[in-house]
């Protein structure tokens, strides 16, 4: 069940990072994250990507400081109530932000 949270966070963070890269550079990277050899983005794109990474790192630090117990693993079951379900999505959100930084 832990794997479900990790896969959810991994796939969401992948899409967010690809979208940020497109927003900054104007080009979609390939499925492996590679780009065409002839593209030269320059220093501005590099700085914007570093800034986005710093933003995600700052968000993760802020979330852990505000509410550290939500960073724990959460499981789902048939008896899971709405509060537990929301806690699980908060946990996935924490992991997503951490993976976006990485």
C-alpha atoms as a PDB file:
ATOM      1  CA  UNK A   1       0.000   0.000   0.000  1.00  0.00           C
ATOM      2  CA  UNK A   2       2.970   2.320   0.489  1.00  0.00           C
ATOM      3  CA  UNK A   3       3.807   1.801  -3.168  1.00  0.00           C
ATOM      4  CA  UNK A   4       0.450   3.298  -4.180  1.00  0.00           C
ATOM      5  CA  UNK A   5       1.337   6.573  -2.473  1.00  0.00           C
ATOM      6  CA  UNK A   6       4.807   6.614  -4.029  1.00  0.00           C
ATOM      7  CA  UNK A   7       3.561   5.846  -7.540  1.00  0.00           C
ATOM      8  CA  UNK A   8       0.889   8.525  -7.245  1.00  0.00           C
ATOM      9  CA  UNK A   9       3.481  11.067  -6.126  1.00  0.00           C
ATOM     10  CA  UNK A  10       6.001   9.998  -8.771  1.00  0.00           C
ATOM     11  CA  UNK A  11       3.572  10.242 -11.681  1.00  0.00           C
ATOM     12  CA  UNK A  12       2.153  13.567 -10.498  1.00  0.00           C
ATOM     13  CA  UNK A  13       5.592  15.082  -9.944  1.00  0.00           C
ATOM     14  CA  UNK A  14       6.735  13.884 -13.390  1.00  0.00           C
ATOM     15  CA  UNK A  15       3.836  15.706 -15.034  1.00  0.00           C
ATOM     16  CA  UNK A  16       4.411  18.858 -12.991  1.00  0.00           C
ATOM     17  CA  UNK A  17       8.122  18.966 -13.819  1.00  0.00           C
ATOM     18  CA  UNK A  18       7.479  18.347 -17.531  1.00  0.00           C
ATOM     19  CA  UNK A  19       4.913  21.172 -17.506  1.00  0.00           C
ATOM     20  CA  UNK A  20       7.319  23.545 -15.763  1.00  0.00           C
ATOM     21  CA  UNK A  21      10.031  22.703 -18.292  1.00  0.00           C
ATOM     22  CA  UNK A  22       7.611  23.424 -21.136  1.00  0.00           C
ATOM     23  CA  UNK A  23       6.494  26.675 -19.512  1.00  0.00           C
ATOM     24  CA  UNK A  24      10.104  27.834 -19.205  1.00  0.00           C
ATOM     25  CA  UNK A  25      11.611  26.596 -22.468  1.00  0.00           C
ATOM     26  CA  UNK A  26       8.627  26.354 -24.809  1.00  0.00           C
ATOM     27  CA  UNK A  27       9.584  22.784 -25.809  1.00  0.00           C
ATOM     28  CA  UNK A  28       8.378  19.451 -24.515  1.00  0.00           C
ATOM     29  CA  UNK A  29      11.190  17.107 -23.541  1.00  0.00           C
ATOM     30  CA  UNK A  30      11.030  13.489 -24.701  1.00  0.00           C
ATOM     31  CA  UNK A  31       9.643  10.692 -22.513  1.00  0.00           C
ATOM     32  CA  UNK A  32      13.086  10.129 -21.003  1.00  0.00           C
ATOM     33  CA  UNK A  33      13.523  13.839 -20.286  1.00  0.00           C
ATOM     34  CA  UNK A  34      15.965  14.412 -23.132  1.00  0.00           C
ATOM     35  CA  UNK A  35      15.681  17.246 -25.615  1.00  0.00           C
ATOM     36  CA  UNK A  36      16.829  17.806 -29.164  1.00  0.00           C
ATOM     37  CA  UNK A  37      20.580  18.304 -29.504  1.00  0.00           C
ATOM     38  CA  UNK A  38      20.235  21.593 -31.362  1.00  0.00           C
ATOM     39  CA  UNK A  39      18.343  23.377 -28.575  1.00  0.00           C
ATOM     40  CA  UNK A  40      20.284  25.926 -26.574  1.00  0.00           C
ATOM     41  CA  UNK A  41      18.155  27.467 -23.849  1.00  0.00           C
ATOM     42  CA  UNK A  42      20.668  29.877 -22.413  1.00  0.00           C
ATOM     43  CA  UNK A  43      21.319  31.071 -18.892  1.00  0.00           C
ATOM     44  CA  UNK A  44      17.794  32.430 -18.312  1.00  0.00           C
ATOM     45  CA  UNK A  45      16.178  29.003 -18.684  1.00  0.00           C
ATOM     46  CA  UNK A  46      18.801  27.506 -16.385  1.00  0.00           C
ATOM     47  CA  UNK A  47      18.150  30.116 -13.728  1.00  0.00           C
ATOM     48  CA  UNK A  48      14.376  29.717 -14.034  1.00  0.00           C
ATOM     49  CA  UNK A  49      14.678  25.928 -13.605  1.00  0.00           C
ATOM     50  CA  UNK A  50      16.887  26.414 -10.558  1.00  0.00           C
ATOM     51  CA  UNK A  51      14.366  28.898  -9.193  1.00  0.00           C
ATOM     52  CA  UNK A  52      11.525  26.404  -9.710  1.00  0.00           C
ATOM     53  CA  UNK A  53      13.548  23.761  -7.896  1.00  0.00           C
ATOM     54  CA  UNK A  54      14.220  26.153  -5.020  1.00  0.00           C
ATOM     55  CA  UNK A  55      10.497  26.981  -4.900  1.00  0.00           C
ATOM     56  CA  UNK A  56       9.586  23.293  -4.561  1.00  0.00           C
ATOM     57  CA  UNK A  57      12.260  22.819  -1.898  1.00  0.00           C
ATOM     58  CA  UNK A  58      10.942  25.811   0.031  1.00  0.00           C
ATOM     59  CA  UNK A  59       7.369  24.510  -0.239  1.00  0.00           C
ATOM     60  CA  UNK A  60       8.431  21.120   1.121  1.00  0.00           C
ATOM     61  CA  UNK A  61      10.299  22.674   4.048  1.00  0.00           C
ATOM     62  CA  UNK A  62       7.337  24.930   4.821  1.00  0.00           C
ATOM     63  CA  UNK A  63       4.893  22.004   4.745  1.00  0.00           C
ATOM     64  CA  UNK A  64       7.033  19.927   7.090  1.00  0.00           C
ATOM     65  CA  UNK A  65       7.408  22.842   9.514  1.00  0.00           C
ATOM     66  CA  UNK A  66       3.679  23.640   9.483  1.00  0.00           C
ATOM     67  CA  UNK A  67       2.394  20.101   9.909  1.00  0.00           C
ATOM     68  CA  UNK A  68       5.110  17.458  10.330  1.00  0.00           C
ATOM     69  CA  UNK A  69       2.807  14.520  11.111  1.00  0.00           C
ATOM     70  CA  UNK A  70       1.201  14.645   7.651  1.00  0.00           C
ATOM     71  CA  UNK A  71       4.516  13.631   6.112  1.00  0.00           C
ATOM     72  CA  UNK A  72       4.043  10.132   7.559  1.00  0.00           C
ATOM     73  CA  UNK A  73       2.845   7.238   5.443  1.00  0.00           C
ATOM     74  CA  UNK A  74      -0.904   6.756   5.196  1.00  0.00           C
ATOM     75  CA  UNK A  75      -2.735   3.662   4.043  1.00  0.00           C
ATOM     76  CA  UNK A  76      -6.160   3.115   2.569  1.00  0.00           C
ATOM     77  CA  UNK A  77      -8.619   0.337   3.253  1.00  0.00           C
ATOM     78  CA  UNK A  78     -12.302  -0.337   2.818  1.00  0.00           C
ATOM     79  CA  UNK A  79     -12.939   1.077   6.288  1.00  0.00           C
ATOM     80  CA  UNK A  80     -11.131   4.315   5.522  1.00  0.00           C
ATOM     81  CA  UNK A  81     -13.184   7.395   6.331  1.00  0.00           C
ATOM     82  CA  UNK A  82     -13.067  10.709   4.508  1.00  0.00           C
ATOM     83  CA  UNK A  83     -10.620  12.203   7.004  1.00  0.00           C
ATOM     84  CA  UNK A  84      -8.162   9.362   6.513  1.00  0.00           C
ATOM     85  CA  UNK A  85      -8.637   9.636   2.747  1.00  0.00           C
ATOM     86  CA  UNK A  86      -7.815  13.351   2.821  1.00  0.00           C
ATOM     87  CA  UNK A  87      -4.778  12.650   5.030  1.00  0.00           C
ATOM     88  CA  UNK A  88      -3.556  10.167   2.444  1.00  0.00           C
ATOM     89  CA  UNK A  89      -3.821  12.750  -0.352  1.00  0.00           C
ATOM     90  CA  UNK A  90      -1.976  15.276   1.799  1.00  0.00           C
ATOM     91  CA  UNK A  91       0.779  12.680   2.228  1.00  0.00           C
ATOM     92  CA  UNK A  92       0.873  12.145  -1.546  1.00  0.00           C
ATOM     93  CA  UNK A  93       1.047  15.934  -1.987  1.00  0.00           C
ATOM     94  CA  UNK A  94       4.030  16.131   0.358  1.00  0.00           C
ATOM     95  CA  UNK A  95       5.819  13.397  -1.589  1.00  0.00           C
ATOM     96  CA  UNK A  96       4.932  15.020  -4.909  1.00  0.00           C
ATOM     97  CA  UNK A  97       6.498  18.321  -3.879  1.00  0.00           C
ATOM     98  CA  UNK A  98       9.603  16.524  -2.602  1.00  0.00           C
ATOM     99  CA  UNK A  99       9.949  14.651  -5.908  1.00  0.00           C
ATOM    100  CA  UNK A 100       9.461  17.859  -7.917  1.00  0.00           C
ATOM    101  CA  UNK A 101      12.427  19.334  -6.081  1.00  0.00           C
ATOM    102  CA  UNK A 102      14.590  16.308  -6.788  1.00  0.00           C
END
